[in-house]
Amino acid sequence: MLERLKKKWEVSTWQAIVILVVFACTGFTVMFLKEPVLSLIADKEERSIWFTVIYYILILPVYNVVLLGYGFIFGQFPFFWKFEKRMFSRMTGNKKANSN
């Protein structure tokens, strides 16, 4: 699996491991932030399914900022900046930016 990721991302073994650590740290950070942030907005009993759906839509920009932050801390900012640009170009359908 690691070999496949190295080839796909065009990075060394060490970089691939660091990139996976950055994704893990970002996921844990967002997971640990969820409950305290939601508690500021509404009590657990008052949250509906729509509240959760809206949360997951709005968390995307926060996740991306945290991802870039950890990427910077771990010295992989250029990789994650390129990753973010590619992801947003795919979301918006911008074929020109997607080819970079």
Protein backbone atom coordinates (compact mmCIF):
# COMPACT_ATOMS: atom_id res chain seq x y z
CA MET A 1 0.00 0.00 0.00
CA LEU A 2 2.78 2.43 0.90
CA GLU A 3 4.50 1.73 -2.41
CA ARG A 4 1.30 2.55 -4.28
CA LEU A 5 0.90 5.84 -2.41
CA LYS A 6 4.55 6.76 -3.04
CA LYS A 7 4.07 6.20 -6.74
CA LYS A 8 0.76 8.08 -6.86
CA TRP A 9 2.05 11.04 -4.87
CA GLU A 10 5.55 10.91 -6.39
CA VAL A 11 7.26 11.11 -2.99
CA SER A 12 9.85 9.17 -0.99
CA THR A 13 8.99 6.59 1.66
CA TRP A 14 9.74 9.09 4.42
CA GLN A 15 7.52 11.75 2.83
CA ALA A 16 4.68 9.26 2.37
CA ILE A 17 4.82 8.35 6.05
CA VAL A 18 4.87 12.02 7.09
CA ILE A 19 1.92 12.75 4.76
CA LEU A 20 -0.08 9.91 6.32
CA VAL A 21 0.76 11.26 9.80
CA VAL A 22 -0.49 14.71 8.72
CA PHE A 23 -3.79 13.23 7.51
CA ALA A 24 -4.12 11.32 10.79
CA CYS A 25 -3.39 14.40 12.93
CA THR A 26 -5.87 16.47 10.94
CA GLY A 27 -8.60 13.86 11.32
CA PHE A 28 -8.05 13.53 15.06
CA THR A 29 -7.97 17.30 15.52
CA VAL A 30 -11.26 17.79 13.69
CA MET A 31 -12.79 14.87 15.59
CA PHE A 32 -11.73 16.29 18.96
CA LEU A 33 -12.93 19.80 18.06
CA LYS A 34 -16.40 18.64 16.99
CA GLU A 35 -18.11 18.25 20.36
CA PRO A 36 -16.76 21.41 22.05
CA VAL A 37 -17.65 23.53 19.02
CA LEU A 38 -21.11 22.02 18.67
CA SER A 39 -21.74 22.45 22.41
CA LEU A 40 -21.19 26.19 22.00
CA ILE A 41 -23.95 26.30 19.40
CA ALA A 42 -26.58 23.90 20.77
CA ASP A 43 -27.10 21.26 23.45
CA LYS A 44 -26.90 17.62 22.41
CA GLU A 45 -30.65 17.15 22.85
CA GLU A 46 -31.45 20.10 20.57
CA ARG A 47 -29.44 18.88 17.57
CA SER A 48 -31.41 17.49 14.67
CA ILE A 49 -30.19 15.50 11.68
CA TRP A 50 -30.10 18.75 9.69
CA PHE A 51 -27.81 20.27 12.26
CA THR A 52 -25.38 17.39 11.69
CA VAL A 53 -25.63 17.67 7.90
CA ILE A 54 -24.90 21.40 8.02
CA TYR A 55 -21.98 20.74 10.37
CA TYR A 56 -20.38 18.30 7.93
CA ILE A 57 -20.77 20.75 5.06
CA LEU A 58 -19.25 23.60 7.05
CA ILE A 59 -16.39 21.52 8.49
CA LEU A 60 -14.80 21.08 5.04
CA PRO A 61 -13.07 24.50 5.04
CA VAL A 62 -11.94 24.00 8.65
CA TYR A 63 -10.52 20.58 7.79
CA ASN A 64 -8.61 22.04 4.85
CA VAL A 65 -7.12 24.86 6.93
CA VAL A 66 -6.07 22.40 9.65
CA LEU A 67 -4.61 20.11 6.97
CA LEU A 68 -2.50 22.97 5.60
CA GLY A 69 -1.46 23.91 9.14
CA TYR A 70 -0.23 20.43 9.94
CA GLY A 71 1.35 20.22 6.51
CA PHE A 72 3.32 23.36 7.35
CA ILE A 73 4.31 22.08 10.81
CA PHE A 74 5.53 18.76 9.37
CA GLY A 75 7.36 20.43 6.46
CA GLN A 76 5.03 19.18 3.74
CA PHE A 77 3.17 22.39 2.95
CA PRO A 78 3.98 22.35 -0.81
CA PHE A 79 2.51 18.84 -1.14
CA PHE A 80 -0.68 19.77 0.72
CA TRP A 81 -1.06 23.09 -1.09
CA LYS A 82 -0.94 21.20 -4.39
CA PHE A 83 -3.32 18.59 -2.94
CA GLU A 84 -5.82 21.31 -1.92
CA LYS A 85 -5.69 23.03 -5.30
CA ARG A 86 -6.26 19.72 -7.07
CA MET A 87 -9.16 18.82 -4.76
CA PHE A 88 -10.93 22.15 -5.21
CA SER A 89 -10.42 22.11 -8.96
CA ARG A 90 -12.10 18.69 -9.05
CA MET A 91 -14.97 19.97 -6.90
CA THR A 92 -15.50 23.00 -9.12
CA GLY A 93 -14.93 21.15 -12.40
CA ASN A 94 -12.01 23.38 -13.39
CA LYS A 95 -10.16 21.08 -15.82
CA LYS A 96 -7.25 23.48 -16.39
CA ALA A 97 -6.28 23.67 -12.70
CA ASN A 98 -6.87 19.94 -12.34
CA SER A 99 -4.13 19.10 -14.83
CA ASN A 100 -1.40 20.89 -12.77
